[in-house]
Amino acid sequence: MRLKSEIWVKAYLRACAAAGAAAVVVRHGDDDAGAIFIKINRLDGTACLFGPAPAGFETASSGIDRRFVAHVDGPASEADVESCVARQADFDSDLWLIEVEDRSGRHFLDGWLATDRD
C-alpha cells in the first residue's frame, strides 16, 4: 500500500524544517495519488528538479514505494526548471510542487533516490 501524497509531503516538509531549510508547497496536487516534484532553489539563480522515477524503480527490493530521479540535474537555470515543471503540469494537473530553498543544494531525498542498484 502506497502512502498518500499529502502525508508524504507533510513529512518531507517537517524533515526539511528540522534540517534548517525553508520548504513550501508551491502547487497542491491530488491528496491521495498526486505526483510529487521537488525543486531545490540554490538562491543564486540556479535550481534542480526531482520527480517520480519511471515505473519499475518504485517496487525495487528495498521496500520503498516512492522513488525520485533528477528531472533537471543541477545546477540549472531556474527558467529551465520552471519550463520542465510547466510541461509536467500540462501533462498532469494533479502534481505537487515543493520548493526547498537551500544554498548548499541539499535535496533531503537520501534513501528515496532511484539508482541503478535498486
N, C-alpha and C. Protein backbone atom coordinates (compact mmCIF):
# COMPACT_ATOMS: atom_id res chain seq x y z
N MET A 1 0.84 -1.18 0.00
CA MET A 1 0.00 0.00 0.00
C MET A 1 0.88 1.24 0.00
N ARG A 2 0.57 2.16 -0.86
CA ARG A 2 1.36 3.37 -1.02
C ARG A 2 0.86 4.47 -0.07
N LEU A 3 1.80 5.16 0.53
CA LEU A 3 1.49 6.29 1.40
C LEU A 3 0.87 7.41 0.57
N LYS A 4 -0.19 8.02 1.07
CA LYS A 4 -0.84 9.11 0.35
C LYS A 4 0.13 10.27 0.15
N SER A 5 0.00 10.93 -1.00
CA SER A 5 0.90 12.04 -1.34
C SER A 5 0.90 13.13 -0.28
N GLU A 6 -0.28 13.49 0.21
CA GLU A 6 -0.38 14.55 1.21
C GLU A 6 0.42 14.22 2.47
N ILE A 7 0.35 13.00 2.92
CA ILE A 7 1.07 12.59 4.13
C ILE A 7 2.57 12.61 3.88
N TRP A 8 3.00 12.10 2.70
CA TRP A 8 4.42 12.10 2.37
C TRP A 8 4.94 13.54 2.33
N VAL A 9 4.20 14.44 1.70
CA VAL A 9 4.62 15.84 1.59
C VAL A 9 4.75 16.47 2.98
N LYS A 10 3.79 16.25 3.85
CA LYS A 10 3.87 16.82 5.20
C LYS A 10 5.10 16.33 5.93
N ALA A 11 5.42 15.05 5.81
CA ALA A 11 6.61 14.50 6.46
C ALA A 11 7.89 15.09 5.86
N TYR A 12 7.91 15.25 4.55
CA TYR A 12 9.07 15.84 3.88
C TYR A 12 9.29 17.28 4.32
N LEU A 13 8.22 18.05 4.41
CA LEU A 13 8.33 19.44 4.86
C LEU A 13 8.90 19.51 6.28
N ARG A 14 8.46 18.61 7.14
CA ARG A 14 8.99 18.58 8.51
C ARG A 14 10.47 18.22 8.53
N ALA A 15 10.86 17.28 7.67
CA ALA A 15 12.27 16.88 7.61
C ALA A 15 13.14 18.06 7.15
N CYS A 16 12.67 18.80 6.17
CA CYS A 16 13.40 19.98 5.70
C CYS A 16 13.53 21.01 6.82
N ALA A 17 12.43 21.27 7.50
CA ALA A 17 12.44 22.25 8.59
C ALA A 17 13.39 21.83 9.70
N ALA A 18 13.41 20.55 10.01
CA ALA A 18 14.30 20.05 11.06
C ALA A 18 15.76 20.23 10.69
N ALA A 19 16.06 20.24 9.39
CA ALA A 19 17.43 20.43 8.92
C ALA A 19 17.76 21.91 8.70
N GLY A 20 16.78 22.79 8.95
CA GLY A 20 17.02 24.21 8.84
C GLY A 20 16.81 24.80 7.45
N ALA A 21 16.13 24.07 6.58
CA ALA A 21 15.87 24.56 5.22
C ALA A 21 14.40 24.96 5.09
N ALA A 22 14.17 26.07 4.41
CA ALA A 22 12.80 26.50 4.15
C ALA A 22 12.23 25.68 3.00
N ALA A 23 11.04 25.14 3.20
CA ALA A 23 10.37 24.35 2.15
C ALA A 23 8.89 24.69 2.19
N VAL A 24 8.32 24.92 1.00
CA VAL A 24 6.91 25.29 0.91
C VAL A 24 6.24 24.52 -0.22
N VAL A 25 4.93 24.38 -0.09
CA VAL A 25 4.13 23.80 -1.15
C VAL A 25 3.79 24.92 -2.13
N VAL A 26 4.30 24.82 -3.34
CA VAL A 26 4.05 25.81 -4.37
C VAL A 26 2.79 25.44 -5.15
N ARG A 27 2.59 24.16 -5.34
CA ARG A 27 1.42 23.66 -6.06
C ARG A 27 0.89 22.44 -5.30
N HIS A 28 -0.37 22.50 -4.91
CA HIS A 28 -1.01 21.43 -4.16
C HIS A 28 -1.68 20.47 -5.14
N GLY A 29 -1.21 19.25 -5.18
CA GLY A 29 -1.76 18.25 -6.08
C GLY A 29 -2.83 17.41 -5.42
N ASP A 30 -3.14 16.30 -6.05
CA ASP A 30 -4.13 15.37 -5.52
C ASP A 30 -3.64 14.80 -4.19
N ASP A 31 -4.50 14.86 -3.17
CA ASP A 31 -4.11 14.42 -1.83
C ASP A 31 -3.74 12.94 -1.77
N ASP A 32 -4.40 12.12 -2.57
CA ASP A 32 -4.18 10.69 -2.49
C ASP A 32 -3.03 10.18 -3.35
N ALA A 33 -2.98 10.62 -4.61
CA ALA A 33 -2.02 9.99 -5.52
C ALA A 33 -1.34 10.98 -6.46
N GLY A 34 -1.27 12.25 -6.12
CA GLY A 34 -0.61 13.22 -6.99
C GLY A 34 0.89 12.98 -7.06
N ALA A 35 1.45 13.12 -8.26
CA ALA A 35 2.90 13.01 -8.43
C ALA A 35 3.57 14.17 -7.69
N ILE A 36 4.72 13.90 -7.09
CA ILE A 36 5.40 14.90 -6.28
C ILE A 36 6.71 15.30 -6.97
N PHE A 37 6.89 16.61 -7.16
CA PHE A 37 8.13 17.15 -7.71
C PHE A 37 8.76 18.05 -6.66
N ILE A 38 10.07 17.95 -6.53
CA ILE A 38 10.83 18.73 -5.55
C ILE A 38 11.79 19.64 -6.30
N LYS A 39 11.62 20.95 -6.15
CA LYS A 39 12.53 21.93 -6.75
C LYS A 39 13.48 22.40 -5.65
N ILE A 40 14.76 22.28 -5.92
CA ILE A 40 15.77 22.76 -4.99
C ILE A 40 16.30 24.09 -5.53
N ASN A 41 15.95 25.18 -4.86
CA ASN A 41 16.36 26.52 -5.24
C ASN A 41 17.62 26.87 -4.46
N ARG A 42 18.72 27.09 -5.18
CA ARG A 42 20.00 27.39 -4.51
C ARG A 42 20.16 28.87 -4.18
N LEU A 43 19.15 29.67 -4.47
CA LEU A 43 19.12 31.10 -4.14
C LEU A 43 20.20 31.91 -4.85
N ASP A 44 20.70 31.39 -5.97
CA ASP A 44 21.69 32.11 -6.76
C ASP A 44 21.29 32.13 -8.24
N GLY A 45 19.99 31.87 -8.50
CA GLY A 45 19.50 31.83 -9.88
C GLY A 45 19.54 30.45 -10.49
N THR A 46 20.03 29.47 -9.72
CA THR A 46 20.07 28.09 -10.22
C THR A 46 19.20 27.19 -9.35
N ALA A 47 18.84 26.07 -9.92
CA ALA A 47 17.97 25.12 -9.21
C ALA A 47 18.13 23.75 -9.86
N CYS A 48 17.54 22.75 -9.23
CA CYS A 48 17.41 21.43 -9.84
C CYS A 48 16.03 20.90 -9.48
N LEU A 49 15.63 19.86 -10.18
CA LEU A 49 14.27 19.34 -10.02
C LEU A 49 14.30 17.83 -9.92
N PHE A 50 13.65 17.31 -8.90
CA PHE A 50 13.50 15.87 -8.73
C PHE A 50 12.02 15.54 -8.86
N GLY A 51 11.75 14.39 -9.46
CA GLY A 51 10.37 13.96 -9.63
C GLY A 51 10.28 12.45 -9.60
N PRO A 52 9.08 11.92 -9.84
CA PRO A 52 8.88 10.48 -9.76
C PRO A 52 9.80 9.70 -10.70
N ALA A 53 10.33 8.61 -10.19
CA ALA A 53 11.15 7.72 -11.01
C ALA A 53 10.24 6.96 -11.97
N PRO A 54 10.79 6.52 -13.09
CA PRO A 54 9.99 5.72 -14.03
C PRO A 54 9.49 4.44 -13.37
N ALA A 55 8.45 3.89 -13.94
CA ALA A 55 7.89 2.62 -13.42
C ALA A 55 9.00 1.58 -13.34
N GLY A 56 8.95 0.77 -12.32
CA GLY A 56 9.94 -0.26 -12.12
C GLY A 56 10.87 0.05 -10.97
N PHE A 57 11.22 1.31 -10.77
CA PHE A 57 12.07 1.70 -9.65
C PHE A 57 11.28 1.67 -8.35
N GLU A 58 9.98 1.94 -8.43
CA GLU A 58 9.17 2.08 -7.22
C GLU A 58 9.05 0.78 -6.42
N THR A 59 9.03 -0.33 -7.11
CA THR A 59 8.83 -1.60 -6.42
C THR A 59 10.13 -2.37 -6.27
N ALA A 60 11.22 -1.65 -6.19
CA ALA A 60 12.53 -2.28 -6.03
C ALA A 60 12.58 -3.06 -4.73
N SER A 61 13.56 -3.90 -4.63
CA SER A 61 13.68 -4.79 -3.47
C SER A 61 13.86 -4.06 -2.15
N SER A 62 14.12 -2.78 -2.17
CA SER A 62 14.36 -2.03 -0.94
C SER A 62 13.09 -1.87 -0.11
N GLY A 63 11.92 -2.04 -0.72
CA GLY A 63 10.66 -1.89 0.01
C GLY A 63 10.14 -0.47 0.04
N ILE A 64 10.85 0.48 -0.53
CA ILE A 64 10.39 1.87 -0.57
C ILE A 64 9.46 2.02 -1.76
N ASP A 65 8.26 2.53 -1.51
CA ASP A 65 7.25 2.58 -2.57
C ASP A 65 7.29 3.86 -3.39
N ARG A 66 8.10 4.82 -3.04
CA ARG A 66 8.17 6.08 -3.79
C ARG A 66 9.64 6.39 -4.05
N ARG A 67 10.00 6.55 -5.31
CA ARG A 67 11.38 6.85 -5.70
C ARG A 67 11.43 8.12 -6.53
N PHE A 68 12.56 8.81 -6.48
CA PHE A 68 12.75 10.05 -7.21
C PHE A 68 14.00 9.96 -8.07
N VAL A 69 13.96 10.71 -9.18
CA VAL A 69 15.12 10.87 -10.06
C VAL A 69 15.24 12.35 -10.38
N ALA A 70 16.42 12.76 -10.83
CA ALA A 70 16.62 14.15 -11.26
C ALA A 70 15.96 14.34 -12.61
N HIS A 71 15.01 15.25 -12.69
CA HIS A 71 14.38 15.60 -13.96
C HIS A 71 15.16 16.73 -14.62
N VAL A 72 15.69 17.64 -13.84
CA VAL A 72 16.61 18.66 -14.30
C VAL A 72 17.77 18.61 -13.32
N ASP A 73 18.87 18.01 -13.77
CA ASP A 73 20.02 17.91 -12.88
C ASP A 73 20.66 19.27 -12.78
N GLY A 74 21.19 19.56 -11.67
CA GLY A 74 21.63 20.92 -11.46
C GLY A 74 23.10 21.04 -11.20
N PRO A 75 23.44 22.26 -10.99
CA PRO A 75 22.50 23.37 -11.02
C PRO A 75 22.21 23.84 -12.45
N ALA A 76 20.95 24.07 -12.72
CA ALA A 76 20.48 24.60 -13.99
C ALA A 76 19.80 25.93 -13.71
N SER A 77 19.49 26.67 -14.75
CA SER A 77 18.83 27.95 -14.53
C SER A 77 17.42 27.70 -14.00
N GLU A 78 16.94 28.63 -13.20
CA GLU A 78 15.57 28.49 -12.68
C GLU A 78 14.56 28.46 -13.82
N ALA A 79 14.85 29.17 -14.91
CA ALA A 79 13.95 29.18 -16.06
C ALA A 79 13.82 27.78 -16.67
N ASP A 80 14.94 27.03 -16.74
CA ASP A 80 14.89 25.66 -17.26
C ASP A 80 14.05 24.77 -16.36
N VAL A 81 14.21 24.95 -15.06
CA VAL A 81 13.44 24.14 -14.11
C VAL A 81 11.95 24.48 -14.21
N GLU A 82 11.63 25.76 -14.25
CA GLU A 82 10.23 26.17 -14.35
C GLU A 82 9.60 25.69 -15.65
N SER A 83 10.37 25.67 -16.72
CA SER A 83 9.88 25.16 -18.00
C SER A 83 9.55 23.67 -17.90
N CYS A 84 10.40 22.92 -17.23
CA CYS A 84 10.14 21.49 -17.04
C CYS A 84 8.89 21.27 -16.19
N VAL A 85 8.74 22.06 -15.13
CA VAL A 85 7.55 21.95 -14.28
C VAL A 85 6.29 22.26 -15.07
N ALA A 86 6.34 23.29 -15.91
CA ALA A 86 5.18 23.67 -16.72
C ALA A 86 4.79 22.53 -17.67
N ARG A 87 5.79 21.89 -18.29
CA ARG A 87 5.49 20.75 -19.17
C ARG A 87 4.85 19.61 -18.40
N GLN A 88 5.38 19.34 -17.22
CA GLN A 88 4.82 18.26 -16.40
C GLN A 88 3.39 18.59 -15.97
N ALA A 89 3.14 19.85 -15.61
CA ALA A 89 1.80 20.27 -15.18
C ALA A 89 0.80 20.21 -16.33
N ASP A 90 1.25 20.48 -17.56
CA ASP A 90 0.37 20.33 -18.72
C ASP A 90 -0.05 18.88 -18.90
N PHE A 91 0.87 17.97 -18.58
CA PHE A 91 0.61 16.54 -18.71
C PHE A 91 -0.22 16.01 -17.54
N ASP A 92 0.06 16.50 -16.33
CA ASP A 92 -0.59 16.01 -15.11
C ASP A 92 -0.98 17.19 -14.22
N SER A 93 -2.24 17.56 -14.26
CA SER A 93 -2.69 18.73 -13.48
C SER A 93 -2.78 18.45 -11.98
N ASP A 94 -2.61 17.21 -11.57
CA ASP A 94 -2.71 16.85 -10.15
C ASP A 94 -1.36 16.76 -9.45
N LEU A 95 -0.31 17.29 -10.05
CA LEU A 95 1.01 17.14 -9.44
C LEU A 95 1.22 18.13 -8.30
N TRP A 96 2.10 17.75 -7.41
CA TRP A 96 2.56 18.60 -6.30
C TRP A 96 3.88 19.22 -6.71
N LEU A 97 4.14 20.45 -6.27
CA LEU A 97 5.46 21.05 -6.42
C LEU A 97 5.87 21.60 -5.07
N ILE A 98 6.97 21.07 -4.57
CA ILE A 98 7.54 21.52 -3.30
C ILE A 98 8.82 22.26 -3.64
N GLU A 99 9.00 23.47 -3.10
CA GLU A 99 10.24 24.21 -3.34
C GLU A 99 11.01 24.31 -2.04
N VAL A 100 12.26 23.88 -2.12
CA VAL A 100 13.18 23.93 -0.98
C VAL A 100 14.22 25.00 -1.29
N GLU A 101 14.42 25.92 -0.37
CA GLU A 101 15.46 26.93 -0.52
C GLU A 101 16.65 26.52 0.33
N ASP A 102 17.75 26.20 -0.37
CA ASP A 102 18.94 25.75 0.34
C ASP A 102 20.17 26.11 -0.49
N ARG A 103 21.00 26.99 0.01
CA ARG A 103 22.19 27.44 -0.73
C ARG A 103 23.14 26.29 -1.04
N SER A 104 23.15 25.27 -0.22
CA SER A 104 24.03 24.12 -0.43
C SER A 104 23.48 23.15 -1.47
N GLY A 105 22.22 23.29 -1.81
CA GLY A 105 21.60 22.39 -2.78
C GLY A 105 21.18 21.05 -2.21
N ARG A 106 21.01 20.99 -0.89
CA ARG A 106 20.59 19.72 -0.27
C ARG A 106 19.15 19.40 -0.71
N HIS A 107 18.91 18.14 -1.03
CA HIS A 107 17.58 17.74 -1.51
C HIS A 107 16.78 16.96 -0.46
N PHE A 108 17.40 16.45 0.55
CA PHE A 108 16.73 15.73 1.63
C PHE A 108 15.98 14.50 1.11
N LEU A 109 16.47 13.92 0.03
CA LEU A 109 15.83 12.73 -0.55
C LEU A 109 16.71 11.49 -0.39
N ASP A 110 17.67 11.55 0.53
CA ASP A 110 18.53 10.39 0.77
C ASP A 110 17.66 9.18 1.09
N GLY A 111 17.92 8.09 0.44
CA GLY A 111 17.12 6.88 0.63
C GLY A 111 15.92 6.81 -0.29
N TRP A 112 15.57 7.92 -0.92
CA TRP A 112 14.42 7.95 -1.83
C TRP A 112 14.84 8.04 -3.30
N LEU A 113 16.13 8.32 -3.54
CA LEU A 113 16.59 8.46 -4.91
C LEU A 113 16.77 7.09 -5.55
N ALA A 114 16.30 6.95 -6.78
CA ALA A 114 16.46 5.71 -7.52
C ALA A 114 17.88 5.67 -8.10
N THR A 115 18.48 4.51 -8.00
CA THR A 115 19.80 4.31 -8.58
C THR A 115 19.79 3.04 -9.39
N ASP A 116 20.86 2.81 -10.13
CA ASP A 116 20.95 1.59 -10.94
C ASP A 116 20.99 0.34 -10.07
N ARG A 117 21.37 0.50 -8.82
CA ARG A 117 21.47 -0.67 -7.93
C ARG A 117 20.14 -1.11 -7.36
N ASP A 118 19.11 -0.28 -7.49
CA ASP A 118 17.80 -0.60 -6.88
C ASP A 118 17.11 -1.74 -7.53
